[in-house]
């Protein structure tokens, strides 16, 4: 790597979210080098991003295989594992413990709270067990990297030592995401019409995103020169397509998931970037990475989410407009305003592009490297993590 460090990533064959291995890959043990990074791919149980049992089998199979792959790696100074699901983190903790190395946990989502927020799991013994595992891993980690300040605040409220939590928010690779001419041939391929405001949602069509709200707003704008482009797959896609068909919403175009490297092409088709979450209070704590991709492309952002981390960034940068969730008339109103005010769109585009330099992957990588360097320099004498007893009133519901 450019910094002089060696990095090995243990992952699996890409298959998210449809449960189909991407072209050019096989679900076998494999090794490759990408941009100087050693990548080990382990075979796992492959399934679509739906159904608790099958997804759990997918998670567990990766945890086991990644653990053994880590044991086979000859030299390890520290182990980093990431959420949102904690089977990966358990494997990382077990590997670090067995090899007597520091364990760093990256928290990119508050899991299991996030799956509870979308109704994928109900309050009960299973959720309480997952929360106990979550807190155990927080306590065992020598260092925690949280993607938002709200994540850190949540952990601190629940008894985690704030001194070992660093906040490193997401970012965008400006070498890939930058303004470019509209790809006219791709626009024709997917069926977009010229002279219409194209509102693009690019990403997972999942339970957390509340995209039924978008379909209703689209229906309200049926007589306006506005079209919606939804690119991606996910647990809610089939339902959304069924709703659009039943309600005869003809100004929404669904495009299947495409490889990550093609996303800038699809963003080039858009006049407005739509970032959309449901109204669950937990989602006030997240910062969707699509915001930064849109900034890199120089697109105004329409954010639909509970007021919080993401809306503060949009407001502070003047990069778009924020709309409350589950209010399709407000979303339709905001888009109609942008349609009728090209000068406002141009200003938001300018601000959005200018903001991108504040949220680059280079800055993110540098901050992450600082954390890992501090942990590594502590060496084998790193003190054992201290358990933090939680007062009863602070226990999660």
Protein backbone atom coordinates (compact mmCIF):
# COMPACT_ATOMS: atom_id res chain seq x y z
CA UNK A 1 0.00 0.00 0.00
CA UNK A 2 1.06 3.62 -0.51
CA UNK A 3 1.46 4.16 3.24
CA UNK A 4 3.93 1.31 3.53
CA UNK A 5 1.63 -0.95 5.50
CA UNK A 6 0.40 -4.40 4.47
CA UNK A 7 -3.32 -5.13 4.43
CA UNK A 8 -5.12 -8.42 3.94
CA UNK A 9 -8.89 -8.36 3.45
CA UNK A 10 -10.80 -11.56 4.12
CA UNK A 11 -14.12 -11.53 2.30
CA UNK A 12 -16.31 -13.74 0.11
CA UNK A 13 -17.48 -13.80 -3.49
CA UNK A 14 -19.61 -10.68 -4.14
CA UNK A 15 -23.30 -11.61 -4.24
CA UNK A 16 -25.24 -8.90 -2.35
CA UNK A 17 -28.17 -8.29 -2.43
CA UNK A 18 -29.67 -10.79 -4.90
CA UNK A 19 -27.79 -13.87 -3.68
CA UNK A 20 -26.17 -14.46 -7.08
CA UNK A 21 -22.40 -14.55 -7.40
CA UNK A 22 -21.25 -11.69 -9.61
CA UNK A 23 -19.93 -12.45 -13.05
CA UNK A 24 -16.23 -13.25 -13.03
CA UNK A 25 -16.26 -14.74 -9.51
CA UNK A 26 -16.82 -18.21 -8.06
CA UNK A 27 -17.89 -19.26 -4.58
CA UNK A 28 -14.56 -20.90 -3.83
CA UNK A 29 -11.40 -20.22 -1.85
CA UNK A 30 -9.46 -17.69 -3.91
CA UNK A 31 -6.79 -15.04 -3.63
CA UNK A 32 -6.10 -11.89 -5.63
CA UNK A 33 -4.26 -8.59 -5.25
CA UNK A 34 -6.20 -5.37 -5.86
CA UNK A 35 -4.37 -2.04 -5.81
CA UNK A 36 -1.69 -3.52 -3.60
CA UNK A 37 -4.19 -5.05 -1.15
CA UNK A 38 -4.18 -8.81 -0.63
CA UNK A 39 -7.76 -10.11 -0.91
CA UNK A 40 -8.67 -13.59 0.31
CA UNK A 41 -12.11 -14.86 -0.72
CA UNK A 42 -13.65 -17.71 1.25
CA UNK A 43 -16.60 -19.91 0.21
CA UNK A 44 -19.85 -19.22 2.06
CA UNK A 45 -23.51 -20.15 2.00
CA UNK A 46 -24.95 -17.81 -0.64
CA UNK A 47 -28.47 -16.42 -0.37
CA UNK A 48 -30.47 -13.31 -1.23
CA UNK A 49 -30.79 -10.44 1.24
CA UNK A 50 -34.12 -11.65 2.60
CA UNK A 51 -35.26 -14.20 5.15
CA UNK A 52 -33.78 -14.27 8.65
CA UNK A 53 -32.77 -17.95 8.70
CA UNK A 54 -30.99 -18.04 5.36
CA UNK A 55 -29.27 -14.72 5.94
CA UNK A 56 -28.12 -15.95 9.35
CA UNK A 57 -26.64 -19.05 7.72
CA UNK A 58 -24.84 -16.79 5.28
CA UNK A 59 -23.42 -14.71 8.15
CA UNK A 60 -22.39 -17.73 10.21
CA UNK A 61 -20.73 -19.49 7.27
CA UNK A 62 -18.65 -16.40 6.57
CA UNK A 63 -17.73 -16.02 10.26
CA UNK A 64 -16.39 -19.57 10.43
CA UNK A 65 -14.55 -19.51 7.11
CA UNK A 66 -13.04 -16.05 7.69
CA UNK A 67 -11.83 -17.13 11.15
CA UNK A 68 -9.93 -20.10 9.72
CA UNK A 69 -8.59 -17.98 6.87
CA UNK A 70 -7.25 -15.57 9.46
CA UNK A 71 -5.54 -18.40 11.33
CA UNK A 72 -3.73 -19.38 8.13
CA UNK A 73 -2.43 -15.85 7.58
CA UNK A 74 1.21 -15.88 8.61
CA UNK A 75 1.76 -12.40 9.98
CA UNK A 76 -0.87 -10.35 11.79
CA UNK A 77 -0.31 -7.25 13.92
CA UNK A 78 -3.94 -6.43 14.58
CA UNK A 79 -7.40 -7.57 13.53
CA UNK A 80 -10.15 -5.26 12.26
CA UNK A 81 -13.76 -6.38 11.88
CA UNK A 82 -16.80 -4.42 10.82
CA UNK A 83 -20.52 -4.40 11.43
CA UNK A 84 -23.54 -4.05 10.77
CA UNK A 85 -24.01 -7.73 11.62
CA UNK A 86 -21.99 -9.08 14.50
CA UNK A 87 -21.18 -12.55 13.22
CA UNK A 88 -18.32 -10.92 11.32
CA UNK A 89 -17.27 -9.08 14.47
CA UNK A 90 -17.40 -12.28 16.53
CA UNK A 91 -15.06 -13.95 14.06
CA UNK A 92 -12.69 -10.99 14.24
CA UNK A 93 -12.72 -10.94 18.04
CA UNK A 94 -12.13 -14.71 18.24
CA UNK A 95 -9.22 -14.48 15.80
CA UNK A 96 -7.64 -11.55 17.65
CA UNK A 97 -8.07 -13.31 21.00
CA UNK A 98 -6.55 -16.58 19.82
CA UNK A 99 -3.59 -14.84 18.19
CA UNK A 100 -3.25 -12.40 21.11
CA UNK A 101 -3.51 -9.33 18.91
CA UNK A 102 -5.42 -6.06 19.35
CA UNK A 103 -9.02 -6.09 18.12
CA UNK A 104 -10.47 -3.03 16.36
CA UNK A 105 -14.22 -2.89 15.71
CA UNK A 106 -15.67 -0.62 13.04
CA UNK A 107 -19.31 0.22 13.72
CA UNK A 108 -20.92 1.21 10.45
CA UNK A 109 -24.44 0.63 11.74
CA UNK A 110 -26.06 0.14 15.13
CA UNK A 111 -26.89 -3.54 14.84
CA UNK A 112 -29.17 -5.16 16.02
CA UNK A 113 -31.07 -1.90 16.60
CA UNK A 114 -31.24 -1.31 12.83
CA UNK A 115 -32.95 -4.62 12.07
CA UNK A 116 -35.35 -4.04 14.94
CA UNK A 117 -36.16 -0.58 13.54
CA UNK A 118 -37.38 -2.05 10.23
CA UNK A 119 -39.40 -4.80 11.90
CA UNK A 120 -37.14 -7.65 10.77
CA UNK A 121 -36.91 -8.87 14.36
CA UNK A 122 -39.27 -8.28 17.26
CA UNK A 123 -38.58 -7.40 20.86
CA UNK A 124 -37.91 -10.60 22.75
CA UNK A 125 -35.25 -13.02 23.88
CA UNK A 126 -33.43 -13.14 20.55
CA UNK A 127 -33.09 -9.36 20.36
CA UNK A 128 -31.91 -9.18 23.97
CA UNK A 129 -29.32 -11.89 23.25
CA UNK A 130 -28.03 -9.98 20.22
CA UNK A 131 -27.81 -6.80 22.29
CA UNK A 132 -25.74 -8.63 24.92
CA UNK A 133 -23.38 -9.84 22.18
CA UNK A 134 -23.20 -6.28 20.83
CA UNK A 135 -22.20 -4.83 24.21
CA UNK A 136 -19.75 -7.68 24.83
CA UNK A 137 -17.95 -6.88 21.57
CA UNK A 138 -17.88 -3.17 22.37
CA UNK A 139 -16.25 -3.94 25.71
CA UNK A 140 -13.75 -6.41 24.24
CA UNK A 141 -12.59 -4.13 21.43
CA UNK A 142 -9.33 -2.33 22.13
CA UNK A 143 -10.53 0.46 19.84
CA UNK A 144 -13.87 1.26 18.17
CA UNK A 145 -14.32 3.28 15.00
CA UNK A 146 -17.84 4.70 14.70
CA UNK A 147 -19.15 6.08 11.40
CA UNK A 148 -21.15 8.84 13.09
CA UNK A 149 -21.02 10.90 16.26
CA UNK A 150 -24.50 9.62 17.13
CA UNK A 151 -23.19 6.06 17.13
CA UNK A 152 -20.50 7.06 19.60
CA UNK A 153 -23.02 8.89 21.78
CA UNK A 154 -25.26 5.80 21.83
CA UNK A 155 -22.39 3.55 22.89
CA UNK A 156 -21.26 5.95 25.60
CA UNK A 157 -24.80 6.16 26.99
CA UNK A 158 -24.75 2.38 27.23
CA UNK A 159 -21.55 2.28 29.25
CA UNK A 160 -18.79 1.97 26.64
CA UNK A 161 -15.56 3.82 27.48
CA UNK A 162 -15.57 6.97 25.28
CA UNK A 163 -11.76 7.09 25.28
CA UNK A 164 -11.54 4.12 22.93
CA UNK A 165 -14.14 5.36 20.41
CA UNK A 166 -13.08 7.38 17.36
CA UNK A 167 -15.48 8.86 14.81
CA UNK A 168 -14.52 8.44 11.14
CA UNK A 169 -17.43 9.26 8.85
CA UNK A 170 -17.86 7.91 5.34
CA UNK A 171 -16.53 9.56 2.21
CA UNK A 172 -16.29 9.48 -1.57
CA UNK A 173 -13.54 8.46 -3.97
CA UNK A 174 -13.22 11.57 -6.14
CA UNK A 175 -11.10 9.69 -8.66
CA UNK A 176 -14.26 7.78 -9.59
CA UNK A 177 -17.11 10.14 -8.73
CA UNK A 178 -16.94 13.47 -10.53
CA UNK A 179 -19.23 15.51 -12.81
CA UNK A 180 -19.53 14.10 -16.33
CA UNK A 181 -21.76 14.47 -19.38
CA UNK A 182 -25.04 12.58 -19.39
CA UNK A 183 -24.64 9.13 -20.90
CA UNK A 184 -27.20 9.49 -23.69
CA UNK A 185 -27.02 5.89 -24.87
CA UNK A 186 -27.54 4.58 -21.34
CA UNK A 187 -30.49 6.95 -20.90
CA UNK A 188 -32.12 5.48 -24.01
CA UNK A 189 -31.32 1.96 -22.84
CA UNK A 190 -33.15 2.33 -19.53
CA UNK A 191 -36.05 4.29 -21.07
CA UNK A 192 -35.54 7.80 -19.71
CA UNK A 193 -37.23 10.63 -21.55
CA UNK A 194 -35.46 13.84 -22.52
CA UNK A 195 -36.50 17.23 -21.14
CA UNK A 196 -37.66 15.78 -17.84
CA UNK A 197 -36.20 16.30 -14.39
CA UNK A 198 -34.61 12.95 -13.50
CA UNK A 199 -34.66 12.10 -9.82
CA UNK A 200 -32.28 9.23 -9.10
CA UNK A 201 -32.23 6.76 -6.24
CA UNK A 202 -29.23 4.44 -6.59
CA UNK A 203 -28.67 1.77 -3.98
CA UNK A 204 -30.40 -0.95 -2.01
CA UNK A 205 -34.19 -1.09 -2.23
CA UNK A 206 -34.56 -2.39 1.29
CA UNK A 207 -36.90 -2.39 4.24
CA UNK A 208 -35.05 0.52 5.85
CA UNK A 209 -35.64 2.92 2.98
CA UNK A 210 -39.42 3.48 2.99
CA UNK A 211 -39.54 3.84 -0.79
CA UNK A 212 -43.30 3.46 -0.97
CA UNK A 213 -43.20 7.15 -0.11
CA UNK A 214 -41.35 7.81 -3.38
CA UNK A 215 -43.97 5.97 -5.43
CA UNK A 216 -46.73 8.06 -3.89
CA UNK A 217 -44.83 11.29 -4.58
CA UNK A 218 -44.28 10.12 -8.16
CA UNK A 219 -48.00 9.51 -8.54
CA UNK A 220 -48.66 13.05 -7.34
CA UNK A 221 -46.24 14.38 -9.97
CA UNK A 222 -47.66 12.30 -12.81
CA UNK A 223 -48.64 15.38 -14.84
CA UNK A 224 -45.30 17.14 -14.36
CA UNK A 225 -42.11 16.65 -16.42
CA UNK A 226 -40.49 14.62 -13.64
CA UNK A 227 -39.25 11.02 -13.83
CA UNK A 228 -37.78 8.75 -11.17
CA UNK A 229 -34.91 6.33 -11.72
CA UNK A 230 -34.52 3.58 -9.10
CA UNK A 231 -31.38 1.49 -9.60
CA UNK A 232 -30.73 -1.46 -7.34
CA UNK A 233 -32.07 -4.61 -5.76
CA UNK A 234 -33.22 -5.52 -2.29
CA UNK A 235 -35.89 -7.08 -0.11
CA UNK A 236 -38.49 -4.41 -1.00
CA UNK A 237 -37.98 -4.32 -4.77
CA UNK A 238 -40.68 -6.82 -5.76
CA UNK A 239 -43.21 -5.10 -3.51
CA UNK A 240 -42.36 -1.69 -4.93
CA UNK A 241 -42.75 -2.90 -8.50
CA UNK A 242 -46.10 -4.45 -7.62
CA UNK A 243 -47.31 -1.18 -6.06
CA UNK A 244 -46.16 0.83 -9.08
CA UNK A 245 -48.01 -1.53 -11.40
CA UNK A 246 -51.19 -1.64 -9.33
CA UNK A 247 -51.36 2.15 -8.98
CA UNK A 248 -50.28 2.74 -12.59
CA UNK A 249 -47.29 4.85 -11.61
CA UNK A 250 -45.66 5.24 -15.00
CA UNK A 251 -43.02 7.87 -14.24
CA UNK A 252 -40.84 5.48 -12.20
CA UNK A 253 -38.23 3.33 -13.94
CA UNK A 254 -36.74 0.35 -12.12
CA UNK A 255 -33.29 -0.82 -13.16
CA UNK A 256 -31.71 -3.99 -11.71
CA UNK A 257 -28.57 -3.76 -9.60
CA UNK A 258 -25.45 -2.94 -11.57
CA UNK A 259 -21.74 -3.32 -10.65
CA UNK A 260 -20.37 -0.65 -8.33
CA UNK A 261 -17.95 0.61 -10.96
CA UNK A 262 -20.89 1.58 -13.18
CA UNK A 263 -22.61 3.75 -10.61
CA UNK A 264 -21.08 7.04 -11.84
CA UNK A 265 -22.63 6.32 -15.26
CA UNK A 266 -26.07 6.05 -13.71
CA UNK A 267 -25.55 9.13 -11.54
CA UNK A 268 -24.75 11.01 -14.76
CA UNK A 269 -28.35 10.43 -15.87
CA UNK A 270 -29.73 12.28 -12.85
CA UNK A 271 -30.55 15.92 -12.22
CA UNK A 272 -31.28 15.32 -8.54
CA UNK A 273 -29.95 12.66 -6.16
CA UNK A 274 -32.58 11.19 -3.87
CA UNK A 275 -31.37 9.79 -0.54
CA UNK A 276 -34.28 8.14 1.24
CA UNK A 277 -34.85 6.46 4.61
CA UNK A 278 -37.92 5.49 6.57
CA UNK A 279 -39.07 7.48 9.57
CA UNK A 280 -37.64 5.17 12.25
CA UNK A 281 -35.97 7.41 14.88
CA UNK A 282 -32.80 5.32 14.70
CA UNK A 283 -32.17 6.61 11.18
CA UNK A 284 -31.50 10.09 12.51
CA UNK A 285 -28.12 8.64 13.57
CA UNK A 286 -26.93 7.45 10.15
CA UNK A 287 -25.18 9.15 7.24
CA UNK A 288 -25.93 7.31 3.97
CA UNK A 289 -22.85 7.06 1.76
CA UNK A 290 -25.00 8.01 -1.25
CA UNK A 291 -24.85 11.60 -0.01
CA UNK A 292 -21.12 11.73 -0.67
CA UNK A 293 -21.37 10.01 -4.04
CA UNK A 294 -23.93 12.63 -5.08
CA UNK A 295 -21.63 15.41 -3.87
CA UNK A 296 -18.77 13.98 -5.90
CA UNK A 297 -21.01 13.98 -8.98
CA UNK A 298 -22.04 17.58 -8.30
CA UNK A 299 -25.73 16.73 -7.81
CA UNK A 300 -28.19 18.50 -5.52
CA UNK A 301 -29.37 16.14 -2.80
CA UNK A 302 -32.95 15.66 -1.69
CA UNK A 303 -32.69 13.92 1.67
CA UNK A 304 -35.73 12.18 3.12
CA UNK A 305 -34.85 11.08 6.65
CA UNK A 306 -35.45 11.98 10.29
CA UNK A 307 -33.60 15.16 11.25
CA UNK A 308 -30.15 14.26 12.51
CA UNK A 309 -26.59 13.56 11.34
CA UNK A 310 -27.29 13.49 7.60
CA UNK A 311 -29.58 16.52 7.52
CA UNK A 312 -27.04 18.57 9.46
CA UNK A 313 -24.45 17.90 6.75
CA UNK A 314 -26.85 18.82 3.93
CA UNK A 315 -27.91 22.03 5.69
CA UNK A 316 -24.39 23.04 6.68
CA UNK A 317 -23.04 22.56 3.16
CA UNK A 318 -26.09 24.00 1.39
CA UNK A 319 -25.96 20.90 -0.80
CA UNK A 320 -29.66 20.16 -1.06
CA UNK A 321 -33.00 20.13 0.67
CA UNK A 322 -34.26 18.01 3.56
CA UNK A 323 -37.75 16.55 3.64
CA UNK A 324 -39.44 14.77 6.57
CA UNK A 325 -40.02 11.04 6.02
CA UNK A 326 -43.37 9.44 5.21
CA UNK A 327 -44.82 12.69 3.83
CA UNK A 328 -45.09 12.17 0.06
CA UNK A 329 -46.78 15.53 -0.51
CA UNK A 330 -43.73 17.28 1.00
CA UNK A 331 -41.39 15.28 -1.20
CA UNK A 332 -43.48 16.08 -4.28
CA UNK A 333 -43.54 19.75 -3.29
CA UNK A 334 -39.74 19.88 -2.86
CA UNK A 335 -39.14 18.26 -6.25
CA UNK A 336 -41.64 20.53 -7.96
CA UNK A 337 -39.83 23.54 -6.49
CA UNK A 338 -36.52 22.29 -7.89
CA UNK A 339 -38.15 21.64 -11.25
CA UNK A 340 -39.46 25.19 -11.45
CA UNK A 341 -36.30 26.88 -10.17
CA UNK A 342 -33.25 25.94 -12.27
CA UNK A 343 -31.21 28.70 -10.61
CA UNK A 344 -31.75 27.07 -7.24
CA UNK A 345 -30.72 23.72 -8.68
CA UNK A 346 -27.55 25.24 -10.08
CA UNK A 347 -26.65 26.77 -6.71
CA UNK A 348 -27.23 23.47 -4.92
CA UNK A 349 -25.13 21.66 -7.52
CA UNK A 350 -22.28 24.12 -7.01
CA UNK A 351 -22.46 23.79 -3.23
CA UNK A 352 -22.71 20.02 -3.41
CA UNK A 353 -19.61 19.67 -5.56
CA UNK A 354 -17.67 22.09 -3.36
CA UNK A 355 -18.62 20.08 -0.27
CA UNK A 356 -17.26 16.82 -1.73
CA UNK A 357 -13.67 17.76 -0.93
CA UNK A 358 -14.54 17.78 2.77
CA UNK A 359 -15.60 14.13 2.65
CA UNK A 360 -13.02 12.29 0.58
CA UNK A 361 -12.01 8.67 0.97
CA UNK A 362 -8.43 9.90 1.30
CA UNK A 363 -9.33 11.83 4.45
CA UNK A 364 -11.33 8.89 5.74
CA UNK A 365 -8.46 6.48 5.09
CA UNK A 366 -5.96 8.80 6.79
CA UNK A 367 -8.15 9.07 9.89
CA UNK A 368 -8.65 5.30 9.99
CA UNK A 369 -4.92 4.72 9.59
CA UNK A 370 -4.25 7.04 12.54
CA UNK A 371 -6.50 4.88 14.73
CA UNK A 372 -4.88 1.63 13.60
CA UNK A 373 -1.38 3.05 14.06
CA UNK A 374 -2.13 4.12 17.64
CA UNK A 375 -3.49 0.68 18.46
CA UNK A 376 -0.57 -1.09 16.84
CA UNK A 377 2.00 1.09 18.61
CA UNK A 378 0.54 0.02 21.94
CA UNK A 379 1.86 -3.42 20.99
CA UNK A 380 1.49 -6.64 22.94
CA UNK A 381 1.36 -4.73 26.20
CA UNK A 382 -2.02 -3.29 25.33
CA UNK A 383 -4.18 -3.51 28.47
CA UNK A 384 -7.08 -5.90 28.51
CA UNK A 385 -10.41 -4.14 27.83
CA UNK A 386 -12.20 -3.22 31.04
CA UNK A 387 -15.83 -4.37 31.33
CA UNK A 388 -18.26 -1.55 32.03
CA UNK A 389 -21.24 -2.34 34.21
CA UNK A 390 -24.40 -0.72 32.97
CA UNK A 391 -26.91 0.76 35.38
CA UNK A 392 -30.33 -0.84 34.94
CA UNK A 393 -31.90 2.36 33.63
CA UNK A 394 -29.41 2.42 30.73
CA UNK A 395 -30.09 -1.09 29.50
CA UNK A 396 -31.67 -1.19 26.03
CA UNK A 397 -35.38 -1.93 25.92
